[in-house]
Amino acid sequence: EVQLVESGGGMVQPGGSLRLSCAASGFTFSSYDMDWVHQAPGKGPEWVARIATTGHVTNYADFAKGRFTISRDNAKKTVYLQMNSLKPEDAAVYYCNAVLEAGWTTYDYWGQGTQVTVSS
């Protein structure tokens, strides 16, 4: 059974930090690019960051650059999102997403999400 389980969310004051984790099982984690996506109340999903299979290539949404860092540990089958200098607008449910594009087929798995609240 494929599972992605996020953790590490919570409430933090503006300017604070959180480290999200996403533990994977049931598929070949090291073969998948990993994304973090967030969704704020009343808004659609928004891509945050991506890390390639080996961890050597990362990409960030403009709002995340310089504040967030995505990383992965393929031995632990876990992807992380270190979030610093958090702002109220970062508040959302954060989801990890595993993606593998193989020819005409895309394999796509999602976790259940973890809530991040930024408030004073």
Protein backbone atom coordinates (compact mmCIF):
# COMPACT_ATOMS: atom_id res chain seq x y z
CA GLU A 1 0.00 0.00 0.00
CA VAL A 2 1.33 3.40 -0.99
CA GLN A 3 1.53 5.86 1.87
CA LEU A 4 2.82 9.39 2.29
CA VAL A 5 2.52 10.65 5.84
CA GLU A 6 3.26 14.28 6.59
CA SER A 7 4.13 15.56 10.03
CA GLY A 8 5.65 18.59 11.71
CA GLY A 9 2.90 21.09 11.20
CA GLY A 10 1.59 23.27 13.96
CA MET A 11 1.17 26.82 15.10
CA VAL A 12 4.05 29.27 15.01
CA GLN A 13 4.42 33.01 15.39
CA PRO A 14 5.38 35.18 12.42
CA GLY A 15 9.11 34.96 11.89
CA GLY A 16 9.25 31.47 13.34
CA SER A 17 10.31 28.18 11.80
CA LEU A 18 8.88 24.74 11.22
CA ARG A 19 10.30 21.60 9.68
CA LEU A 20 7.84 19.40 7.87
CA SER A 21 8.52 15.74 7.16
CA CYS A 22 6.89 13.32 4.75
CA ALA A 23 7.56 9.63 5.22
CA ALA A 24 6.95 7.38 2.23
CA SER A 25 6.24 3.69 1.94
CA GLY A 26 4.85 1.24 -0.58
CA PHE A 27 6.73 2.52 -3.63
CA THR A 28 10.29 3.11 -4.81
CA PHE A 29 10.81 6.47 -3.16
CA SER A 30 14.21 7.12 -4.73
CA SER A 31 12.69 6.99 -8.23
CA TYR A 32 10.23 9.80 -7.60
CA ASP A 33 10.61 13.53 -7.68
CA MET A 34 9.02 15.00 -4.57
CA ASP A 35 6.96 18.15 -4.32
CA TRP A 36 5.53 20.15 -1.48
CA VAL A 37 2.23 21.81 -2.28
CA HIS A 38 0.13 23.95 0.01
CA GLN A 39 -3.50 25.00 0.07
CA ALA A 40 -4.81 27.90 2.08
CA PRO A 41 -8.47 28.16 3.07
CA GLY A 42 -10.61 29.23 0.13
CA LYS A 43 -7.74 28.98 -2.33
CA GLY A 44 -6.52 26.37 -4.77
CA PRO A 45 -3.42 24.24 -4.35
CA GLU A 46 -0.14 26.07 -4.85
CA TRP A 47 3.17 24.44 -5.61
CA VAL A 48 5.90 25.25 -3.10
CA ALA A 49 9.04 23.30 -3.99
CA ARG A 50 10.39 20.27 -5.81
CA ILE A 51 13.39 18.05 -5.27
CA ALA A 52 14.64 15.62 -7.88
CA THR A 53 15.29 11.96 -7.22
CA THR A 54 18.93 12.28 -6.14
CA GLY A 55 18.38 15.46 -4.17
CA HIS A 56 20.87 17.42 -6.24
CA VAL A 57 18.29 19.56 -8.04
CA THR A 58 15.73 21.69 -6.27
CA ASN A 59 13.25 24.31 -7.42
CA TYR A 60 11.15 26.76 -5.45
CA ALA A 61 8.18 29.00 -5.95
CA ASP A 62 9.19 32.64 -5.78
CA PHE A 63 7.54 33.12 -2.38
CA ALA A 64 9.57 30.24 -0.95
CA LYS A 65 13.00 31.20 -2.28
CA GLY A 66 15.40 32.19 0.46
CA ARG A 67 13.06 31.07 3.25
CA PHE A 68 12.23 27.42 2.57
CA THR A 69 14.56 24.50 1.94
CA ILE A 70 13.48 21.15 0.55
CA SER A 71 15.63 18.10 1.16
CA ARG A 72 15.33 14.34 1.10
CA ASP A 73 16.86 11.25 2.62
CA ASN A 74 16.37 8.34 0.26
CA ALA A 75 17.65 5.85 2.83
CA LYS A 76 14.91 6.98 5.21
CA LYS A 77 12.36 7.44 2.39
CA THR A 78 11.59 10.88 3.73
CA VAL A 79 11.35 14.36 2.27
CA TYR A 80 11.59 17.50 4.37
CA LEU A 81 10.61 21.13 4.11
CA GLN A 82 12.43 23.52 6.39
CA MET A 83 10.43 26.73 6.61
CA ASN A 84 12.01 29.82 8.13
CA SER A 85 10.84 33.41 8.51
CA LEU A 86 7.26 32.26 8.32
CA LYS A 87 4.59 34.78 7.38
CA PRO A 88 0.84 34.72 8.02
CA GLU A 89 0.30 34.08 4.32
CA ASP A 90 2.26 30.82 4.61
CA ALA A 91 -0.58 29.38 6.68
CA ALA A 92 -2.06 26.43 4.82
CA VAL A 93 -2.32 22.69 4.70
CA TYR A 94 0.96 21.35 3.33
CA TYR A 95 0.96 18.20 1.23
CA CYS A 96 3.79 16.13 -0.12
CA ASN A 97 3.42 14.73 -3.62
CA ALA A 98 5.46 11.97 -5.25
CA VAL A 99 5.71 12.19 -9.03
CA LEU A 100 7.18 9.83 -11.59
CA GLU A 101 6.76 10.47 -15.29
CA ALA A 102 7.41 7.31 -17.29
CA GLY A 103 6.70 7.75 -20.96
CA TRP A 104 2.99 8.47 -21.35
CA THR A 105 2.21 7.50 -17.77
CA THR A 106 2.44 9.69 -14.68
CA TYR A 107 2.50 8.08 -11.27
CA ASP A 108 1.27 10.53 -8.68
CA TYR A 109 0.81 9.99 -4.94
CA TRP A 110 -0.34 12.42 -2.25
CA GLY A 111 -0.22 12.54 1.49
CA GLN A 112 -3.07 13.61 3.75
CA GLY A 113 -1.51 16.96 4.63
CA THR A 114 -0.31 18.72 7.73
CA GLN A 115 -1.68 22.04 8.95
CA VAL A 116 0.58 25.05 9.36
CA THR A 117 -0.79 28.05 11.21
CA VAL A 118 1.15 31.30 11.45
CA SER A 119 -0.32 33.69 13.93
CA SER A 120 0.68 35.95 16.75
